[in-house]
């Protein structure tokens, strides 16, 4: 039992490894959902289920689209600099 508790506590001191693949963008979705839910819960005076879910879904979609668009733009900028000025790679 103590080994289980120790291993669970030890897992909090080692960060989760997230790769640099396009699939790693999927880790963005749970974080985006929790940010949208908490933000809307703190900003709405009275929580009505239908309006709350609608506004939360809209906020979730807008954050996800913005993050994906920012990722595409940053990848395009990195590709441009690597192709046009290979001396700027830094290694």
PDB file of N, CA and C in Angstrom:
ATOM      1  N   UNK A   1       0.828  -1.193   0.000  1.00  0.00           N
ATOM      2  CA  UNK A   1       0.000   0.000   0.000  1.00  0.00           C
ATOM      3  C   UNK A   1       0.867   1.250   0.000  1.00  0.00           C
ATOM      4  N   UNK A   2       1.942   1.234   0.785  1.00  0.00           N
ATOM      5  CA  UNK A   2       2.810   2.398   0.854  1.00  0.00           C
ATOM      6  C   UNK A   2       3.549   2.621  -0.461  1.00  0.00           C
ATOM      7  N   UNK A   3       3.822   1.503  -1.187  1.00  0.00           N
ATOM      8  CA  UNK A   3       4.467   1.629  -2.496  1.00  0.00           C
ATOM      9  C   UNK A   3       3.554   2.328  -3.499  1.00  0.00           C
ATOM     10  N   UNK A   4       2.282   2.043  -3.439  1.00  0.00           N
ATOM     11  CA  UNK A   4       1.316   2.686  -4.332  1.00  0.00           C
ATOM     12  C   UNK A   4       1.233   4.182  -4.044  1.00  0.00           C
ATOM     13  N   UNK A   5       1.143   4.539  -2.775  1.00  0.00           N
ATOM     14  CA  UNK A   5       1.083   5.950  -2.391  1.00  0.00           C
ATOM     15  C   UNK A   5       2.363   6.671  -2.791  1.00  0.00           C
ATOM     16  N   UNK A   6       3.489   6.045  -2.588  1.00  0.00           N
ATOM     17  CA  UNK A   6       4.769   6.657  -2.945  1.00  0.00           C
ATOM     18  C   UNK A   6       4.883   6.853  -4.448  1.00  0.00           C
ATOM     19  N   UNK A   7       4.461   5.879  -5.227  1.00  0.00           N
ATOM     20  CA  UNK A   7       4.560   6.018  -6.680  1.00  0.00           C
ATOM     21  C   UNK A   7       3.598   7.079  -7.210  1.00  0.00           C
ATOM     22  N   UNK A   8       2.427   7.195  -6.610  1.00  0.00           N
ATOM     23  CA  UNK A   8       1.490   8.246  -7.035  1.00  0.00           C
ATOM     24  C   UNK A   8       2.051   9.620  -6.697  1.00  0.00           C
ATOM     25  N   UNK A   9       2.587   9.764  -5.501  1.00  0.00           N
ATOM     26  CA  UNK A   9       3.184  11.053  -5.122  1.00  0.00           C
ATOM     27  C   UNK A   9       4.407  11.375  -5.968  1.00  0.00           C
ATOM     28  N   UNK A  10       5.196  10.378  -6.303  1.00  0.00           N
ATOM     29  CA  UNK A  10       6.393  10.606  -7.117  1.00  0.00           C
ATOM     30  C   UNK A  10       6.027  11.022  -8.530  1.00  0.00           C
ATOM     31  N   UNK A  11       4.869  10.601  -9.023  1.00  0.00           N
ATOM     32  CA  UNK A  11       4.479  10.965 -10.390  1.00  0.00           C
ATOM     33  C   UNK A  11       4.210  12.453 -10.534  1.00  0.00           C
ATOM     34  N   UNK A  12       3.954  13.156  -9.442  1.00  0.00           N
ATOM     35  CA  UNK A  12       3.722  14.598  -9.512  1.00  0.00           C
ATOM     36  C   UNK A  12       5.021  15.385  -9.661  1.00  0.00           C
ATOM     37  N   UNK A  13       6.138  14.758  -9.411  1.00  0.00           N
ATOM     38  CA  UNK A  13       7.420  15.452  -9.495  1.00  0.00           C
ATOM     39  C   UNK A  13       8.119  15.234 -10.839  1.00  0.00           C
ATOM     40  N   UNK A  14       7.545  14.418 -11.700  1.00  0.00           N
ATOM     41  CA  UNK A  14       8.115  14.185 -13.022  1.00  0.00           C
ATOM     42  C   UNK A  14       7.088  14.641 -14.052  1.00  0.00           C
ATOM     43  N   UNK A  15       7.445  15.617 -14.887  1.00  0.00           N
ATOM     44  CA  UNK A  15       6.467  16.138 -15.847  1.00  0.00           C
ATOM     45  C   UNK A  15       6.103  15.114 -16.916  1.00  0.00           C
ATOM     46  N   UNK A  16       4.924  15.258 -17.440  1.00  0.00           N
ATOM     47  CA  UNK A  16       4.457  14.391 -18.518  1.00  0.00           C
ATOM     48  C   UNK A  16       5.213  14.728 -19.798  1.00  0.00           C
ATOM     49  N   UNK A  17       5.689  13.707 -20.488  1.00  0.00           N
ATOM     50  CA  UNK A  17       6.406  13.940 -21.747  1.00  0.00           C
ATOM     51  C   UNK A  17       5.393  14.061 -22.880  1.00  0.00           C
ATOM     52  N   UNK A  18       5.405  15.220 -23.528  1.00  0.00           N
ATOM     53  CA  UNK A  18       4.543  15.464 -24.669  1.00  0.00           C
ATOM     54  C   UNK A  18       5.457  15.712 -25.855  1.00  0.00           C
ATOM     55  N   UNK A  19       5.300  14.940 -26.894  1.00  0.00           N
ATOM     56  CA  UNK A  19       6.173  15.038 -28.051  1.00  0.00           C
ATOM     57  C   UNK A  19       5.930  16.289 -28.874  1.00  0.00           C
ATOM     58  N   UNK A  20       6.620  16.347 -29.979  1.00  0.00           N
ATOM     59  CA  UNK A  20       6.481  17.489 -30.879  1.00  0.00           C
ATOM     60  C   UNK A  20       5.807  17.076 -32.183  1.00  0.00           C
ATOM     61  N   UNK A  21       4.905  16.148 -32.094  1.00  0.00           N
ATOM     62  CA  UNK A  21       4.179  15.682 -33.265  1.00  0.00           C
ATOM     63  C   UNK A  21       2.853  16.439 -33.374  1.00  0.00           C
ATOM     64  N   UNK A  22       2.243  16.414 -34.553  1.00  0.00           N
ATOM     65  CA  UNK A  22       0.925  17.062 -34.677  1.00  0.00           C
ATOM     66  C   UNK A  22      -0.125  16.452 -33.743  1.00  0.00           C
ATOM     67  N   UNK A  23       0.027  15.170 -33.408  1.00  0.00           N
ATOM     68  CA  UNK A  23      -0.935  14.536 -32.496  1.00  0.00           C
ATOM     69  C   UNK A  23      -0.835  15.091 -31.079  1.00  0.00           C
ATOM     70  N   UNK A  24       0.296  15.693 -30.734  1.00  0.00           N
ATOM     71  CA  UNK A  24       0.435  16.246 -29.394  1.00  0.00           C
ATOM     72  C   UNK A  24      -0.449  17.475 -29.193  1.00  0.00           C
ATOM     73  N   UNK A  25      -0.963  18.033 -30.296  1.00  0.00           N
ATOM     74  CA  UNK A  25      -1.908  19.150 -30.173  1.00  0.00           C
ATOM     75  C   UNK A  25      -3.210  18.710 -29.515  1.00  0.00           C
ATOM     76  N   UNK A  26      -3.463  17.392 -29.508  1.00  0.00           N
ATOM     77  CA  UNK A  26      -4.686  16.899 -28.875  1.00  0.00           C
ATOM     78  C   UNK A  26      -4.677  17.127 -27.364  1.00  0.00           C
ATOM     79  N   UNK A  27      -3.489  17.295 -26.762  1.00  0.00           N
ATOM     80  CA  UNK A  27      -3.408  17.605 -25.335  1.00  0.00           C
ATOM     81  C   UNK A  27      -3.977  18.988 -25.046  1.00  0.00           C
ATOM     82  N   UNK A  28      -4.142  19.805 -26.092  1.00  0.00           N
ATOM     83  CA  UNK A  28      -4.702  21.139 -25.930  1.00  0.00           C
ATOM     84  C   UNK A  28      -6.191  21.080 -25.582  1.00  0.00           C
ATOM     85  N   UNK A  29      -6.895  20.064 -26.049  1.00  0.00           N
ATOM     86  CA  UNK A  29      -8.353  20.030 -25.921  1.00  0.00           C
ATOM     87  C   UNK A  29      -8.860  19.937 -24.474  1.00  0.00           C
ATOM     88  N   UNK A  30      -8.337  19.045 -23.619  1.00  0.00           N
ATOM     89  CA  UNK A  30      -8.830  19.033 -22.235  1.00  0.00           C
ATOM     90  C   UNK A  30      -8.508  20.320 -21.483  1.00  0.00           C
ATOM     91  N   UNK A  31      -7.339  20.880 -21.744  1.00  0.00           N
ATOM     92  CA  UNK A  31      -6.974  22.146 -21.100  1.00  0.00           C
ATOM     93  C   UNK A  31      -7.890  23.262 -21.565  1.00  0.00           C
ATOM     94  N   UNK A  32      -8.182  23.305 -22.852  1.00  0.00           N
ATOM     95  CA  UNK A  32      -9.076  24.324 -23.389  1.00  0.00           C
ATOM     96  C   UNK A  32     -10.477  24.178 -22.820  1.00  0.00           C
ATOM     97  N   UNK A  33     -10.948  22.961 -22.700  1.00  0.00           N
ATOM     98  CA  UNK A  33     -12.283  22.730 -22.139  1.00  0.00           C
ATOM     99  C   UNK A  33     -12.359  23.185 -20.688  1.00  0.00           C
ATOM    100  N   UNK A  34     -11.347  22.866 -19.898  1.00  0.00           N
ATOM    101  CA  UNK A  34     -11.385  23.281 -18.492  1.00  0.00           C
ATOM    102  C   UNK A  34     -11.268  24.787 -18.350  1.00  0.00           C
ATOM    103  N   UNK A  35     -10.466  25.429 -19.182  1.00  0.00           N
ATOM    104  CA  UNK A  35     -10.362  26.896 -19.133  1.00  0.00           C
ATOM    105  C   UNK A  35     -11.701  27.524 -19.495  1.00  0.00           C
ATOM    106  N   UNK A  36     -12.355  27.030 -20.530  1.00  0.00           N
ATOM    107  CA  UNK A  36     -13.639  27.581 -20.949  1.00  0.00           C
ATOM    108  C   UNK A  36     -14.706  27.398 -19.873  1.00  0.00           C
ATOM    109  N   UNK A  37     -14.759  26.231 -19.262  1.00  0.00           N
ATOM    110  CA  UNK A  37     -15.763  25.968 -18.224  1.00  0.00           C
ATOM    111  C   UNK A  37     -15.544  26.854 -17.011  1.00  0.00           C
ATOM    112  N   UNK A  38     -14.309  26.931 -16.542  1.00  0.00           N
ATOM    113  CA  UNK A  38     -14.029  27.734 -15.347  1.00  0.00           C
ATOM    114  C   UNK A  38     -14.243  29.221 -15.632  1.00  0.00           C
ATOM    115  N   UNK A  39     -13.815  29.692 -16.800  1.00  0.00           N
ATOM    116  CA  UNK A  39     -13.983  31.104 -17.128  1.00  0.00           C
ATOM    117  C   UNK A  39     -15.459  31.478 -17.177  1.00  0.00           C
ATOM    118  N   UNK A  40     -16.255  30.670 -17.862  1.00  0.00           N
ATOM    119  CA  UNK A  40     -17.685  30.974 -17.952  1.00  0.00           C
ATOM    120  C   UNK A  40     -18.376  30.843 -16.601  1.00  0.00           C
ATOM    121  N   UNK A  41     -17.946  29.899 -15.785  1.00  0.00           N
ATOM    122  CA  UNK A  41     -18.558  29.729 -14.465  1.00  0.00           C
ATOM    123  C   UNK A  41     -18.281  30.916 -13.557  1.00  0.00           C
ATOM    124  N   UNK A  42     -17.135  31.561 -13.737  1.00  0.00           N
ATOM    125  CA  UNK A  42     -16.824  32.716 -12.898  1.00  0.00           C
ATOM    126  C   UNK A  42     -17.406  34.014 -13.441  1.00  0.00           C
ATOM    127  N   UNK A  43     -17.734  34.071 -14.719  1.00  0.00           N
ATOM    128  CA  UNK A  43     -18.231  35.309 -15.316  1.00  0.00           C
ATOM    129  C   UNK A  43     -19.751  35.392 -15.372  1.00  0.00           C
ATOM    130  N   UNK A  44     -20.444  34.278 -15.345  1.00  0.00           N
ATOM    131  CA  UNK A  44     -21.905  34.283 -15.446  1.00  0.00           C
ATOM    132  C   UNK A  44     -22.501  34.497 -14.062  1.00  0.00           C
ATOM    133  N   UNK A  45     -23.491  35.396 -13.987  1.00  0.00           N
ATOM    134  CA  UNK A  45     -24.129  35.656 -12.685  1.00  0.00           C
ATOM    135  C   UNK A  45     -25.023  34.491 -12.259  1.00  0.00           C
ATOM    136  N   UNK A  46     -25.886  34.037 -13.142  1.00  0.00           N
ATOM    137  CA  UNK A  46     -26.725  32.870 -12.859  1.00  0.00           C
ATOM    138  C   UNK A  46     -26.466  31.824 -13.939  1.00  0.00           C
ATOM    139  N   UNK A  47     -26.257  30.612 -13.500  1.00  0.00           N
ATOM    140  CA  UNK A  47     -25.934  29.544 -14.443  1.00  0.00           C
ATOM    141  C   UNK A  47     -27.217  28.816 -14.829  1.00  0.00           C
ATOM    142  N   UNK A  48     -27.606  28.981 -16.095  1.00  0.00           N
ATOM    143  CA  UNK A  48     -28.701  28.216 -16.680  1.00  0.00           C
ATOM    144  C   UNK A  48     -28.061  27.216 -17.629  1.00  0.00           C
ATOM    145  N   UNK A  49     -28.453  25.980 -17.547  1.00  0.00           N
ATOM    146  CA  UNK A  49     -27.755  24.896 -18.235  1.00  0.00           C
ATOM    147  C   UNK A  49     -27.620  25.138 -19.737  1.00  0.00           C
ATOM    148  N   UNK A  50     -28.695  25.476 -20.415  1.00  0.00           N
ATOM    149  CA  UNK A  50     -28.649  25.618 -21.864  1.00  0.00           C
ATOM    150  C   UNK A  50     -27.731  26.765 -22.278  1.00  0.00           C
ATOM    151  N   UNK A  51     -27.892  27.919 -21.676  1.00  0.00           N
ATOM    152  CA  UNK A  51     -27.064  29.074 -22.032  1.00  0.00           C
ATOM    153  C   UNK A  51     -25.607  28.859 -21.632  1.00  0.00           C
ATOM    154  N   UNK A  52     -25.400  28.225 -20.481  1.00  0.00           N
ATOM    155  CA  UNK A  52     -24.039  27.981 -20.020  1.00  0.00           C
ATOM    156  C   UNK A  52     -23.285  27.046 -20.972  1.00  0.00           C
ATOM    157  N   UNK A  53     -23.925  25.948 -21.367  1.00  0.00           N
ATOM    158  CA  UNK A  53     -23.264  25.009 -22.283  1.00  0.00           C
ATOM    159  C   UNK A  53     -23.030  25.641 -23.651  1.00  0.00           C
ATOM    160  N   UNK A  54     -23.983  26.459 -24.103  1.00  0.00           N
ATOM    161  CA  UNK A  54     -23.838  27.124 -25.395  1.00  0.00           C
ATOM    162  C   UNK A  54     -22.657  28.097 -25.375  1.00  0.00           C
ATOM    163  N   UNK A  55     -22.587  28.930 -24.352  1.00  0.00           N
ATOM    164  CA  UNK A  55     -21.495  29.907 -24.252  1.00  0.00           C
ATOM    165  C   UNK A  55     -20.150  29.224 -24.022  1.00  0.00           C
ATOM    166  N   UNK A  56     -20.148  28.153 -23.233  1.00  0.00           N
ATOM    167  CA  UNK A  56     -18.908  27.412 -22.996  1.00  0.00           C
ATOM    168  C   UNK A  56     -18.423  26.738 -24.273  1.00  0.00           C
ATOM    169  N   UNK A  57     -19.337  26.153 -25.034  1.00  0.00           N
ATOM    170  CA  UNK A  57     -18.949  25.514 -26.297  1.00  0.00           C
ATOM    171  C   UNK A  57     -18.421  26.541 -27.291  1.00  0.00           C
ATOM    172  N   UNK A  58     -19.027  27.708 -27.337  1.00  0.00           N
ATOM    173  CA  UNK A  58     -18.565  28.764 -28.229  1.00  0.00           C
ATOM    174  C   UNK A  58     -17.172  29.254 -27.834  1.00  0.00           C
ATOM    175  N   UNK A  59     -16.959  29.429 -26.545  1.00  0.00           N
ATOM    176  CA  UNK A  59     -15.642  29.844 -26.064  1.00  0.00           C
ATOM    177  C   UNK A  59     -14.599  28.759 -26.322  1.00  0.00           C
ATOM    178  N   UNK A  60     -14.954  27.498 -26.075  1.00  0.00           N
ATOM    179  CA  UNK A  60     -14.053  26.377 -26.344  1.00  0.00           C
ATOM    180  C   UNK A  60     -13.648  26.347 -27.814  1.00  0.00           C
ATOM    181  N   UNK A  61     -14.631  26.487 -28.708  1.00  0.00           N
ATOM    182  CA  UNK A  61     -14.343  26.445 -30.145  1.00  0.00           C
ATOM    183  C   UNK A  61     -13.471  27.622 -30.566  1.00  0.00           C
ATOM    184  N   UNK A  62     -13.741  28.797 -30.041  1.00  0.00           N
ATOM    185  CA  UNK A  62     -12.948  29.960 -30.445  1.00  0.00           C
ATOM    186  C   UNK A  62     -11.503  29.854 -29.953  1.00  0.00           C
ATOM    187  N   UNK A  63     -11.304  29.343 -28.741  1.00  0.00           N
ATOM    188  CA  UNK A  63      -9.942  29.160 -28.237  1.00  0.00           C
ATOM    189  C   UNK A  63      -9.213  28.086 -29.053  1.00  0.00           C
ATOM    190  N   UNK A  64      -9.887  26.983 -29.340  1.00  0.00           N
ATOM    191  CA  UNK A  64      -9.259  25.891 -30.088  1.00  0.00           C
ATOM    192  C   UNK A  64      -8.891  26.332 -31.510  1.00  0.00           C
ATOM    193  N   UNK A  65      -9.780  27.060 -32.160  1.00  0.00           N
ATOM    194  CA  UNK A  65      -9.490  27.531 -33.517  1.00  0.00           C
ATOM    195  C   UNK A  65      -8.335  28.524 -33.494  1.00  0.00           C
ATOM    196  N   UNK A  66      -8.329  29.429 -32.531  1.00  0.00           N
ATOM    197  CA  UNK A  66      -7.238  30.399 -32.438  1.00  0.00           C
ATOM    198  C   UNK A  66      -5.902  29.703 -32.188  1.00  0.00           C
ATOM    199  N   UNK A  67      -5.881  28.713 -31.291  1.00  0.00           N
ATOM    200  CA  UNK A  67      -4.635  28.008 -31.004  1.00  0.00           C
ATOM    201  C   UNK A  67      -4.152  27.220 -32.227  1.00  0.00           C
ATOM    202  N   UNK A  68      -5.055  26.578 -32.940  1.00  0.00           N
ATOM    203  CA  UNK A  68      -4.658  25.841 -34.142  1.00  0.00           C
ATOM    204  C   UNK A  68      -4.148  26.794 -35.220  1.00  0.00           C
ATOM    205  N   UNK A  69      -4.814  27.925 -35.386  1.00  0.00           N
ATOM    206  CA  UNK A  69      -4.374  28.922 -36.356  1.00  0.00           C
ATOM    207  C   UNK A  69      -3.014  29.496 -35.979  1.00  0.00           C
ATOM    208  N   UNK A  70      -2.813  29.769 -34.699  1.00  0.00           N
ATOM    209  CA  UNK A  70      -1.511  30.266 -34.247  1.00  0.00           C
ATOM    210  C   UNK A  70      -0.419  29.228 -34.478  1.00  0.00           C
ATOM    211  N   UNK A  71      -0.722  27.956 -34.270  1.00  0.00           N
ATOM    212  CA  UNK A  71       0.254  26.900 -34.524  1.00  0.00           C
ATOM    213  C   UNK A  71       0.631  26.802 -35.989  1.00  0.00           C
ATOM    214  N   UNK A  72      -0.352  26.920 -36.863  1.00  0.00           N
ATOM    215  CA  UNK A  72      -0.077  26.870 -38.296  1.00  0.00           C
ATOM    216  C   UNK A  72       0.767  28.069 -38.721  1.00  0.00           C
ATOM    217  N   UNK A  73       0.437  29.247 -38.219  1.00  0.00           N
ATOM    218  CA  UNK A  73       1.194  30.454 -38.569  1.00  0.00           C
ATOM    219  C   UNK A  73       2.630  30.355 -38.057  1.00  0.00           C
ATOM    220  N   UNK A  74       2.808  29.888 -36.836  1.00  0.00           N
ATOM    221  CA  UNK A  74       4.164  29.764 -36.297  1.00  0.00           C
ATOM    222  C   UNK A  74       4.973  28.711 -37.045  1.00  0.00           C
ATOM    223  N   UNK A  75       4.338  27.611 -37.451  1.00  0.00           N
ATOM    224  CA  UNK A  75       5.043  26.602 -38.254  1.00  0.00           C
ATOM    225  C   UNK A  75       5.439  27.170 -39.610  1.00  0.00           C
ATOM    226  N   UNK A  76       4.559  27.976 -40.204  1.00  0.00           N
ATOM    227  CA  UNK A  76       4.875  28.588 -41.492  1.00  0.00           C
ATOM    228  C   UNK A  76       6.035  29.569 -41.365  1.00  0.00           C
ATOM    229  N   UNK A  77       6.071  30.332 -40.291  1.00  0.00           N
ATOM    230  CA  UNK A  77       7.174  31.269 -40.064  1.00  0.00           C
ATOM    231  C   UNK A  77       8.478  30.505 -39.856  1.00  0.00           C
ATOM    232  N   UNK A  78       8.439  29.442 -39.077  1.00  0.00           N
ATOM    233  CA  UNK A  78       9.646  28.641 -38.851  1.00  0.00           C
ATOM    234  C   UNK A  78      10.126  28.006 -40.147  1.00  0.00           C
ATOM    235  N   UNK A  79       9.202  27.483 -40.962  1.00  0.00           N
ATOM    236  CA  UNK A  79       9.581  26.895 -42.246  1.00  0.00           C
ATOM    237  C   UNK A  79      10.210  27.952 -43.150  1.00  0.00           C
ATOM    238  N   UNK A  80       9.618  29.148 -43.176  1.00  0.00           N
ATOM    239  CA  UNK A  80      10.134  30.222 -44.018  1.00  0.00           C
ATOM    240  C   UNK A  80      11.570  30.574 -43.640  1.00  0.00           C
ATOM    241  N   UNK A  81      11.821  30.750 -42.362  1.00  0.00           N
ATOM    242  CA  UNK A  81      13.167  31.112 -41.931  1.00  0.00           C
ATOM    243  C   UNK A  81      14.170  29.988 -42.157  1.00  0.00           C
ATOM    244  N   UNK A  82      13.744  28.747 -41.975  1.00  0.00           N
ATOM    245  CA  UNK A  82      14.651  27.621 -42.198  1.00  0.00           C
ATOM    246  C   UNK A  82      14.969  27.431 -43.677  1.00  0.00           C
ATOM    247  N   UNK A  83      14.040  27.751 -44.551  1.00  0.00           N
ATOM    248  CA  UNK A  83      14.274  27.591 -45.983  1.00  0.00           C
ATOM    249  C   UNK A  83      15.050  28.773 -46.573  1.00  0.00           C
ATOM    250  N   UNK A  84      14.730  29.980 -46.162  1.00  0.00           N
ATOM    251  CA  UNK A  84      15.350  31.162 -46.759  1.00  0.00           C
ATOM    252  C   UNK A  84      16.704  31.482 -46.156  1.00  0.00           C
ATOM    253  N   UNK A  85      16.839  31.328 -44.841  1.00  0.00           N
ATOM    254  CA  UNK A  85      18.093  31.652 -44.171  1.00  0.00           C
ATOM    255  C   UNK A  85      18.514  30.474 -43.304  1.00  0.00           C
ATOM    256  N   UNK A  86      19.109  29.446 -43.891  1.00  0.00           N
ATOM    257  CA  UNK A  86      19.484  28.268 -43.094  1.00  0.00           C
ATOM    258  C   UNK A  86      20.562  28.572 -42.061  1.00  0.00           C
ATOM    259  N   UNK A  87      21.279  29.669 -42.207  1.00  0.00           N
ATOM    260  CA  UNK A  87      22.301  30.022 -41.228  1.00  0.00           C
ATOM    261  C   UNK A  87      21.725  30.491 -39.904  1.00  0.00           C
ATOM    262  N   UNK A  88      20.415  30.785 -39.852  1.00  0.00           N
ATOM    263  CA  UNK A  88      19.780  31.272 -38.635  1.00  0.00           C
ATOM    264  C   UNK A  88      19.260  30.149 -37.749  1.00  0.00           C
ATOM    265  N   UNK A  89      19.531  28.904 -38.104  1.00  0.00           N
ATOM    266  CA  UNK A  89      18.992  27.774 -37.337  1.00  0.00           C
ATOM    267  C   UNK A  89      19.525  27.711 -35.930  1.00  0.00           C
ATOM    268  N   UNK A  90      20.696  28.248 -35.684  1.00  0.00           N
ATOM    269  CA  UNK A  90      21.204  28.318 -34.314  1.00  0.00           C
ATOM    270  C   UNK A  90      22.040  27.145 -33.880  1.00  0.00           C
ATOM    271  N   UNK A  91      22.417  26.282 -34.775  1.00  0.00           N
ATOM    272  CA  UNK A  91      23.294  25.166 -34.362  1.00  0.00           C
ATOM    273  C   UNK A  91      24.526  25.129 -35.197  1.00  0.00           C
TER     274      UNK A  91
END
